[in-house]
Protein backbone atom coordinates (compact mmCIF):
# COMPACT_ATOMS: atom_id res chain seq x y z
CA UNK A 1 4.40 -131.91 115.80
CA UNK A 2 7.69 -133.32 117.05
CA UNK A 3 10.38 -130.68 116.46
CA UNK A 4 13.37 -133.05 116.64
CA UNK A 5 15.10 -132.83 113.26
CA UNK A 6 15.88 -136.55 113.36
CA UNK A 7 12.15 -137.27 112.83
CA UNK A 8 12.13 -135.39 109.51
CA UNK A 9 12.39 -138.30 107.04
CA UNK A 10 8.89 -139.62 107.70
CA UNK A 11 7.41 -136.12 107.95
CA UNK A 12 8.96 -134.98 104.67
CA UNK A 13 8.05 -138.24 102.96
CA UNK A 14 4.37 -137.64 103.71
CA UNK A 15 4.58 -134.00 102.66
CA UNK A 16 6.31 -135.00 99.40
CA UNK A 17 3.40 -137.25 98.44
CA UNK A 18 0.90 -134.47 99.12
CA UNK A 19 2.87 -131.77 97.32
CA UNK A 20 3.96 -133.86 94.37
CA UNK A 21 0.62 -133.70 92.62
CA UNK A 22 0.16 -130.00 93.27
CA UNK A 23 3.47 -128.44 92.33
CA UNK A 24 5.24 -128.89 88.99
CA UNK A 25 8.57 -127.19 89.63
CA UNK A 26 10.95 -129.56 91.42
CA UNK A 27 13.01 -126.98 93.28
CA UNK A 28 9.92 -125.01 94.32
CA UNK A 29 8.20 -128.18 95.54
CA UNK A 30 11.15 -129.09 97.74
CA UNK A 31 11.30 -125.68 99.36
CA UNK A 32 7.52 -125.53 99.83
CA UNK A 33 7.72 -128.81 101.72
CA UNK A 34 10.45 -127.51 103.99
CA UNK A 35 8.73 -124.18 104.56
CA UNK A 36 5.48 -125.96 105.43
CA UNK A 37 7.22 -128.07 108.03
CA UNK A 38 9.04 -125.15 109.61
CA UNK A 39 5.92 -123.01 109.80
CA UNK A 40 4.12 -125.91 111.43
CA UNK A 41 6.79 -125.79 114.11
CA UNK A 42 6.33 -122.04 114.51
CA UNK A 43 9.85 -121.39 113.23
CA UNK A 44 11.30 -119.12 110.55
CA UNK A 45 11.26 -121.29 107.37
CA UNK A 46 14.95 -120.53 106.84
CA UNK A 47 15.82 -122.16 110.18
CA UNK A 48 17.98 -125.23 109.64
CA UNK A 49 16.88 -125.45 105.99
CA UNK A 50 20.31 -126.68 105.00
CA UNK A 51 20.00 -129.52 107.52
CA UNK A 52 16.46 -130.36 106.37
CA UNK A 53 17.58 -130.59 102.74
CA UNK A 54 19.67 -133.62 103.65
CA UNK A 55 16.43 -135.42 104.60
CA UNK A 56 14.46 -134.61 101.46
CA UNK A 57 14.17 -137.80 99.37
CA UNK A 58 16.35 -137.55 96.29
CA UNK A 59 14.29 -139.59 93.83
CA UNK A 60 11.00 -137.68 93.79
CA UNK A 61 12.39 -134.22 94.51
CA UNK A 62 15.78 -133.73 92.92
CA UNK A 63 17.30 -134.68 89.60
CA UNK A 64 20.57 -135.32 91.38
CA UNK A 65 21.71 -136.17 94.88
CA UNK A 66 22.82 -133.14 96.82
CA UNK A 67 26.57 -133.81 96.71
CA UNK A 68 26.69 -135.68 93.41
CA UNK A 69 28.82 -133.69 90.96
CA UNK A 70 28.57 -133.39 87.22
CA UNK A 71 31.80 -134.52 85.59
CA UNK A 72 33.44 -131.29 84.44
CA UNK A 73 36.63 -131.54 82.42
CA UNK A 74 38.02 -129.69 79.44
CA UNK A 75 35.65 -131.55 77.13
CA UNK A 76 32.54 -130.54 79.07
CA UNK A 77 33.53 -127.13 80.53
CA UNK A 78 32.50 -125.38 77.33
CA UNK A 79 29.76 -123.25 75.84
CA UNK A 80 27.96 -120.14 77.04
CA UNK A 81 27.47 -120.30 80.83
CA UNK A 82 24.84 -117.92 82.17
CA UNK A 83 26.10 -115.48 84.81
CA UNK A 84 22.81 -114.40 86.34
CA UNK A 85 21.90 -111.21 88.21
CA UNK A 86 20.39 -111.57 91.67
CA UNK A 87 16.74 -110.58 92.01
CA UNK A 88 16.19 -107.94 94.70
CA UNK A 89 12.85 -106.94 96.18
CA UNK A 90 11.62 -103.37 96.51
CA UNK A 91 12.90 -103.56 100.08
CA UNK A 92 16.38 -104.47 98.72
CA UNK A 93 16.25 -108.02 100.05
CA UNK A 94 16.85 -111.26 98.16
CA UNK A 95 13.82 -112.21 96.06
CA UNK A 96 14.28 -115.96 96.28
CA UNK A 97 11.27 -117.02 94.22
CA UNK A 98 12.05 -114.78 91.23
CA UNK A 99 15.71 -115.80 91.24
CA UNK A 100 14.80 -119.49 91.41
CA UNK A 101 12.44 -119.11 88.47
CA UNK A 102 15.10 -117.31 86.42
CA UNK A 103 17.63 -120.07 87.12
CA UNK A 104 15.02 -122.67 86.17
CA UNK A 105 14.23 -120.92 82.89
CA UNK A 106 17.92 -120.93 81.99
CA UNK A 107 18.11 -124.65 82.71
CA UNK A 108 14.97 -125.38 80.69
CA UNK A 109 16.39 -123.38 77.76
CA UNK A 110 19.32 -125.79 77.50
CA UNK A 111 22.04 -123.38 78.56
CA UNK A 112 25.13 -125.54 79.26
CA UNK A 113 25.82 -124.20 82.77
CA UNK A 114 24.75 -121.54 85.25
CA UNK A 115 26.78 -119.50 87.71
CA UNK A 116 26.42 -116.73 90.26
CA UNK A 117 28.85 -114.56 92.15
CA UNK A 118 30.34 -112.66 89.22
CA UNK A 119 30.13 -108.92 88.54
CA UNK A 120 26.57 -109.18 87.24
CA UNK A 121 25.74 -111.22 90.34
CA UNK A 122 27.03 -108.33 92.52
CA UNK A 123 29.33 -110.44 94.70
CA UNK A 124 30.84 -107.14 95.84
CA UNK A 125 27.52 -105.81 97.15
CA UNK A 126 26.19 -108.55 99.41
CA UNK A 127 26.86 -109.88 102.88
CA UNK A 128 28.09 -113.43 103.38
CA UNK A 129 24.70 -114.66 104.61
CA UNK A 130 23.11 -113.30 101.43
CA UNK A 131 25.82 -115.01 99.39
CA UNK A 132 24.94 -118.28 101.13
CA UNK A 133 21.24 -117.87 100.32
CA UNK A 134 21.80 -116.93 96.68
CA UNK A 135 24.25 -119.72 95.95
CA UNK A 136 22.14 -122.33 97.74
CA UNK A 137 19.10 -121.52 95.60
CA UNK A 138 21.16 -121.54 92.42
CA UNK A 139 22.86 -124.87 93.12
CA UNK A 140 19.65 -126.54 94.31
CA UNK A 141 17.74 -125.42 91.24
CA UNK A 142 20.47 -126.31 88.75
CA UNK A 143 20.83 -129.78 90.24
CA UNK A 144 17.08 -130.32 90.14
CA UNK A 145 17.45 -129.95 86.36
CA UNK A 146 20.71 -131.94 86.19
CA UNK A 147 22.50 -128.78 85.10
CA UNK A 148 25.99 -127.88 86.39
CA UNK A 149 26.36 -124.92 88.75
CA UNK A 150 29.46 -122.78 89.28
CA UNK A 151 29.88 -120.46 92.26
CA UNK A 152 31.88 -117.24 92.07
CA UNK A 153 34.01 -116.93 95.21
CA UNK A 154 35.83 -113.64 94.65
CA UNK A 155 36.71 -111.59 97.73
CA UNK A 156 39.11 -108.85 98.78
CA UNK A 157 41.27 -111.30 100.74
CA UNK A 158 42.28 -114.96 100.70
CA UNK A 159 40.25 -115.93 103.76
CA UNK A 160 37.08 -114.47 102.29
CA UNK A 161 37.52 -116.42 99.04
CA UNK A 162 38.30 -119.59 100.99
CA UNK A 163 35.17 -119.17 103.10
CA UNK A 164 33.03 -118.85 99.98
CA UNK A 165 34.78 -121.79 98.32
CA UNK A 166 34.15 -124.01 101.35
CA UNK A 167 30.48 -123.09 101.26
CA UNK A 168 30.34 -123.89 97.53
CA UNK A 169 31.88 -127.29 98.24
CA UNK A 170 29.41 -127.94 101.06
CA UNK A 171 26.52 -127.20 98.69
CA UNK A 172 27.89 -129.58 96.09
CA UNK A 173 28.69 -126.90 93.49
CA UNK A 174 30.20 -128.41 90.35
CA UNK A 175 32.87 -125.72 89.88
CA UNK A 176 34.08 -122.47 91.38
CA UNK A 177 35.28 -119.23 89.85
CA UNK A 178 37.55 -116.68 91.49
CA UNK A 179 39.40 -113.50 90.57
CA UNK A 180 42.47 -112.15 92.29
CA UNK A 181 41.64 -109.92 95.28
CA UNK A 182 41.01 -106.53 93.78
CA UNK A 183 41.20 -103.75 96.39
CA UNK A 184 45.01 -103.82 96.54
CA UNK A 185 47.23 -105.38 93.90
CA UNK A 186 48.43 -108.87 94.76
CA UNK A 187 52.22 -109.28 94.84
CA UNK A 188 53.75 -111.47 92.14
CA UNK A 189 54.93 -114.11 94.62
CA UNK A 190 51.43 -114.42 96.12
CA UNK A 191 49.52 -115.15 92.90
CA UNK A 192 50.02 -118.92 92.79
CA UNK A 193 49.61 -119.45 96.57
CA UNK A 194 46.29 -117.57 96.43
CA UNK A 195 44.76 -119.83 93.78
CA UNK A 196 46.17 -122.93 95.48
CA UNK A 197 44.57 -121.95 98.79
CA UNK A 198 41.16 -121.30 97.25
CA UNK A 199 41.28 -124.57 95.31
CA UNK A 200 42.05 -126.51 98.48
CA UNK A 201 39.17 -124.83 100.30
CA UNK A 202 36.86 -125.97 97.48
CA UNK A 203 38.04 -129.55 97.78
CA UNK A 204 39.79 -129.54 94.42
CA UNK A 205 36.67 -128.78 92.40
CA UNK A 206 37.15 -127.55 88.82
CA UNK A 207 38.48 -124.00 88.97
CA UNK A 208 37.82 -121.09 86.66
CA UNK A 209 39.87 -117.92 86.90
CA UNK A 210 37.96 -114.69 86.37
CA UNK A 211 40.74 -112.62 84.81
CA UNK A 212 40.00 -108.92 84.75
CA UNK A 213 42.04 -105.74 84.92
CA UNK A 214 39.74 -104.69 87.78
CA UNK A 215 42.06 -106.86 89.86
CA UNK A 216 44.89 -104.47 88.96
CA UNK A 217 46.98 -107.29 87.52
CA UNK A 218 46.88 -109.10 84.18
CA UNK A 219 48.45 -112.55 84.38
CA UNK A 220 51.25 -113.56 82.05
CA UNK A 221 51.34 -116.86 80.18
CA UNK A 222 54.08 -118.01 82.56
CA UNK A 223 51.83 -117.26 85.55
CA UNK A 224 48.96 -119.21 84.01
CA UNK A 225 51.37 -122.11 83.51
CA UNK A 226 52.54 -121.90 87.12
CA UNK A 227 48.95 -121.86 88.39
CA UNK A 228 48.10 -124.88 86.24
CA UNK A 229 51.08 -126.80 87.63
CA UNK A 230 50.11 -125.97 91.22
CA UNK A 231 46.36 -126.40 90.64
CA UNK A 232 45.75 -129.15 88.06
CA UNK A 233 41.98 -128.63 88.40
CA UNK A 234 42.35 -125.14 86.87
CA UNK A 235 40.31 -125.78 83.72
CA UNK A 236 38.93 -122.49 82.39
CA UNK A 237 39.75 -118.79 82.24
CA UNK A 238 37.20 -116.05 81.72
CA UNK A 239 39.33 -113.68 79.64
CA UNK A 240 38.26 -110.03 79.71
CA UNK A 241 39.54 -106.99 77.83
CA UNK A 242 43.17 -106.24 78.53
CA UNK A 243 44.11 -109.83 79.41
CA UNK A 244 46.17 -112.30 77.41
CA UNK A 245 43.27 -114.55 76.45
CA UNK A 246 41.57 -111.83 74.41
CA UNK A 247 44.48 -111.58 71.95
CA UNK A 248 44.79 -114.04 69.09
CA UNK A 249 48.24 -115.34 70.02
CA UNK A 250 47.46 -115.28 73.73
CA UNK A 251 44.22 -117.21 73.27
CA UNK A 252 46.01 -119.86 71.22
CA UNK A 253 48.78 -120.23 73.78
CA UNK A 254 46.41 -120.33 76.75
CA UNK A 255 44.23 -122.89 75.00
CA UNK A 256 47.02 -125.42 75.31
CA UNK A 257 46.61 -125.15 79.11
CA UNK A 258 42.93 -124.40 79.82
CA UNK A 259 39.68 -123.58 78.06
CA UNK A 260 39.46 -119.90 77.14
CA UNK A 261 36.10 -118.15 77.44
CA UNK A 262 35.64 -114.84 75.60
CA UNK A 263 32.68 -112.64 74.66
CA UNK A 264 30.37 -113.82 71.89
CA UNK A 265 31.40 -110.97 69.59
CA UNK A 266 34.97 -112.38 69.71
CA UNK A 267 34.06 -115.94 68.73
CA UNK A 268 34.62 -115.30 65.03
CA UNK A 269 38.16 -114.05 65.67
CA UNK A 270 39.21 -116.25 68.59
CA UNK A 271 37.26 -119.42 67.89
CA UNK A 272 39.86 -120.48 65.28
CA UNK A 273 42.55 -119.79 67.91
CA UNK A 274 40.97 -122.06 70.52
CA UNK A 275 38.19 -120.15 72.36
CA UNK A 276 35.70 -122.65 73.81
CA UNK A 277 32.83 -120.59 75.19
CA UNK A 278 31.75 -117.56 77.16
CA UNK A 279 30.74 -116.50 80.66
CA UNK A 280 27.66 -114.97 79.18
CA UNK A 281 24.92 -112.46 79.84
CA UNK A 282 23.60 -112.47 76.28
CA UNK A 283 22.63 -116.13 76.66
CA UNK A 284 19.76 -115.02 78.90
CA UNK A 285 19.07 -111.88 76.86
CA UNK A 286 18.05 -114.42 74.22
CA UNK A 287 19.02 -118.09 74.68
CA UNK A 288 17.93 -119.14 71.20
CA UNK A 289 20.16 -116.59 69.45
CA UNK A 290 23.25 -117.31 71.54
CA UNK A 291 22.87 -121.10 71.50
CA UNK A 292 22.66 -120.92 67.71
CA UNK A 293 25.92 -118.93 67.72
CA UNK A 294 27.44 -121.54 70.01
CA UNK A 295 26.45 -124.25 67.55
CA UNK A 296 28.26 -122.32 64.82
CA UNK A 297 31.36 -122.04 67.02
CA UNK A 298 31.38 -125.79 67.58
CA UNK A 299 30.94 -126.39 63.85
CA UNK A 300 33.69 -123.92 62.93
CA UNK A 301 31.32 -121.80 60.84
CA UNK A 302 33.51 -118.70 61.06
CA UNK A 303 31.81 -116.86 58.19
CA UNK A 304 28.44 -117.00 59.93
CA UNK A 305 30.00 -115.84 63.19
CA UNK A 306 31.76 -112.96 61.44
CA UNK A 307 28.50 -111.85 59.85
CA UNK A 308 26.73 -111.85 63.21
CA UNK A 309 29.66 -110.15 64.97
CA UNK A 310 28.81 -106.97 63.08
CA UNK A 311 25.38 -106.88 64.73
CA UNK A 312 26.88 -107.61 68.15
CA UNK A 313 29.37 -104.76 67.71
CA UNK A 314 26.53 -102.44 66.70
CA UNK A 315 24.62 -103.48 69.82
CA UNK A 316 27.67 -102.77 71.96
CA UNK A 317 28.07 -99.33 70.45
CA UNK A 318 24.40 -98.52 71.08
CA UNK A 319 24.65 -99.64 74.72
CA UNK A 320 27.83 -97.68 75.37
CA UNK A 321 26.51 -94.49 73.74
CA UNK A 322 23.17 -94.55 75.52
CA UNK A 323 23.83 -96.21 78.87
CA UNK A 324 27.58 -96.34 79.42
CA UNK A 325 27.62 -92.57 79.63
CA UNK A 326 25.19 -92.83 82.56
CA UNK A 327 27.51 -95.10 84.52
CA UNK A 328 25.83 -98.45 83.89
CA UNK A 329 27.73 -101.38 85.39
CA UNK A 330 27.65 -105.02 84.22
CA UNK A 331 24.59 -105.85 86.28
CA UNK A 332 22.56 -102.84 85.09
CA UNK A 333 23.15 -103.78 81.44
CA UNK A 334 22.36 -107.43 82.02
CA UNK A 335 19.15 -106.87 83.97
CA UNK A 336 17.97 -104.55 81.20
CA UNK A 337 18.97 -107.06 78.50
CA UNK A 338 17.27 -109.98 80.21
CA UNK A 339 14.08 -108.00 80.70
CA UNK A 340 14.03 -106.48 77.18
CA UNK A 341 13.42 -109.85 75.53
CA UNK A 342 11.12 -110.95 78.34
CA UNK A 343 13.24 -114.00 79.17
CA UNK A 344 14.24 -112.94 82.70
CA UNK A 345 11.84 -111.72 85.36
CA UNK A 346 14.55 -110.33 87.62
CA UNK A 347 14.43 -106.88 89.16
CA UNK A 348 15.95 -103.88 87.42
CA UNK A 349 17.22 -102.75 90.81
CA UNK A 350 20.98 -102.82 91.45
CA UNK A 351 22.49 -102.44 94.87
CA UNK A 352 23.32 -98.81 95.74
CA UNK A 353 25.32 -96.74 95.05
CA UNK A 354 25.37 -98.16 91.52
CA UNK A 355 23.01 -96.95 88.78
CA UNK A 356 19.96 -99.06 87.94
CA UNK A 357 18.19 -99.33 84.60
CA UNK A 358 14.61 -98.12 84.34
CA UNK A 359 11.56 -99.43 82.49
CA UNK A 360 12.08 -96.61 80.00
CA UNK A 361 15.59 -97.94 79.36
CA UNK A 362 14.16 -101.40 78.69
CA UNK A 363 11.69 -99.90 76.20
CA UNK A 364 14.50 -97.99 74.48
CA UNK A 365 16.52 -101.19 74.01
CA UNK A 366 13.45 -102.99 72.69
CA UNK A 367 12.90 -100.23 70.16
CA UNK A 368 16.51 -100.52 68.97
CA UNK A 369 16.06 -104.29 68.62
CA UNK A 370 12.92 -103.80 66.53
CA UNK A 371 14.80 -101.51 64.16
CA UNK A 372 18.27 -103.08 64.11
CA UNK A 373 18.27 -106.63 65.52
CA UNK A 374 14.68 -108.01 65.66
CA UNK A 375 15.94 -111.55 66.16
CA UNK A 376 16.76 -110.62 69.76
CA UNK A 377 13.04 -110.22 70.50
CA UNK A 378 12.12 -113.70 69.21
CA UNK A 379 12.63 -116.21 71.99
C-alpha cells in the first residue's frame, strides 16, 4: 500500500464504505478506519492520526466538520456540563476505548456539554502527550454527536496554559476553561494579563474561568469586571466554595457579567440570584435525575429544588463522613459515583499518589442509595 499521506482520501473512502455497515458508533468507526490503514502500513496506529483525521470524509463519519464550532454565547453556555474522569488501564495508561464510550454515553443522554481537563479529569497528573490524546478523543466524540466540547487548560504557568489552549483550538474545541496557576499565588497585576494571554492562544474561543481557592486567590468582583473588559469572550465562571459566585449577592452581581455555574445543591438558593448551570459530576452519576433538576431550574421551580437539595446535602454528608476522611479527591468521588449507578464504565483507578475508590466503596454507596435516595439508581 502506498504510504504517502496525500493518497489517503481514496483509501479512507473505500474503508469508510466497508466499515459503515459494520460499526454503529461514529467516533469508533472513524478511528477503526484510521487504525486499519496505519496497521496496513506497519506503523503505530497513533502515527500521524491527527493528519489522517483531516482526510476522513465529514458526511458519513462525523456529525460536524472538524473545525466547525457550536455557537456558544450566554444563552447557550448553560446547564449541567459533564466534567468526566479519564479512564486508566491496569497498566496506568490511557484507556481510549472506555473513555470514548463514556463520552458517547453522556452525549446520548442529552447532557448539554462535555469537558475534560478539570480536577476530576486529573489535569495535574498527566503529561502533555496524554493531555493531547485525552482531549482529542473527547472533542472528536462530542462533535460526532453534535455536542459542544470544552477543554480544561489549567497549568502551573502561563506558557503551559497557552500550549494547552493552542492545542484545544487546533482540535476545534468549542470552549476552554482555565484556573489561575496554582503552585504559587499569582500577583494582582498579573491576573488580567494571564487570562488575556490564554484567550489569545485559544483564538478567542469562549472562555470559562475555573475559580477555586486551590489557586490561592479568590477574585474580586472588580477583577472579574477587568477580565471581562480585557477578554470579552469570558462567558462563564465555575464558582467553587470560598469564591464570590457562591454567595447570594456575589452570584447576582457576577451574573450581570457572565454565567455563573454552581453545584446542584445550590441551585435552589442561587438560581433566583442568576445561577445558570453547573460544571457537574452528578450529571453522569445519574443523568436523568440531574437533567430533571436542570429543567426545574430553567422553569424557576424553586420549591422543588429546595426539596431535593435536602437529599443532595444528605448525600454530601454521607460521602464526607465515609470517604472524605480517607482522603478522597474529586476524581475518586466521581469515579465511584459514575460506577455506582452503572452509567459510567470508567476505571476506579486514580493516578498515584492519590487515593482510589474500591469496588467495596461502590457497593457501600449503592447501599446508601437503596436506603436513602433510590432514585439515583434508576437511570
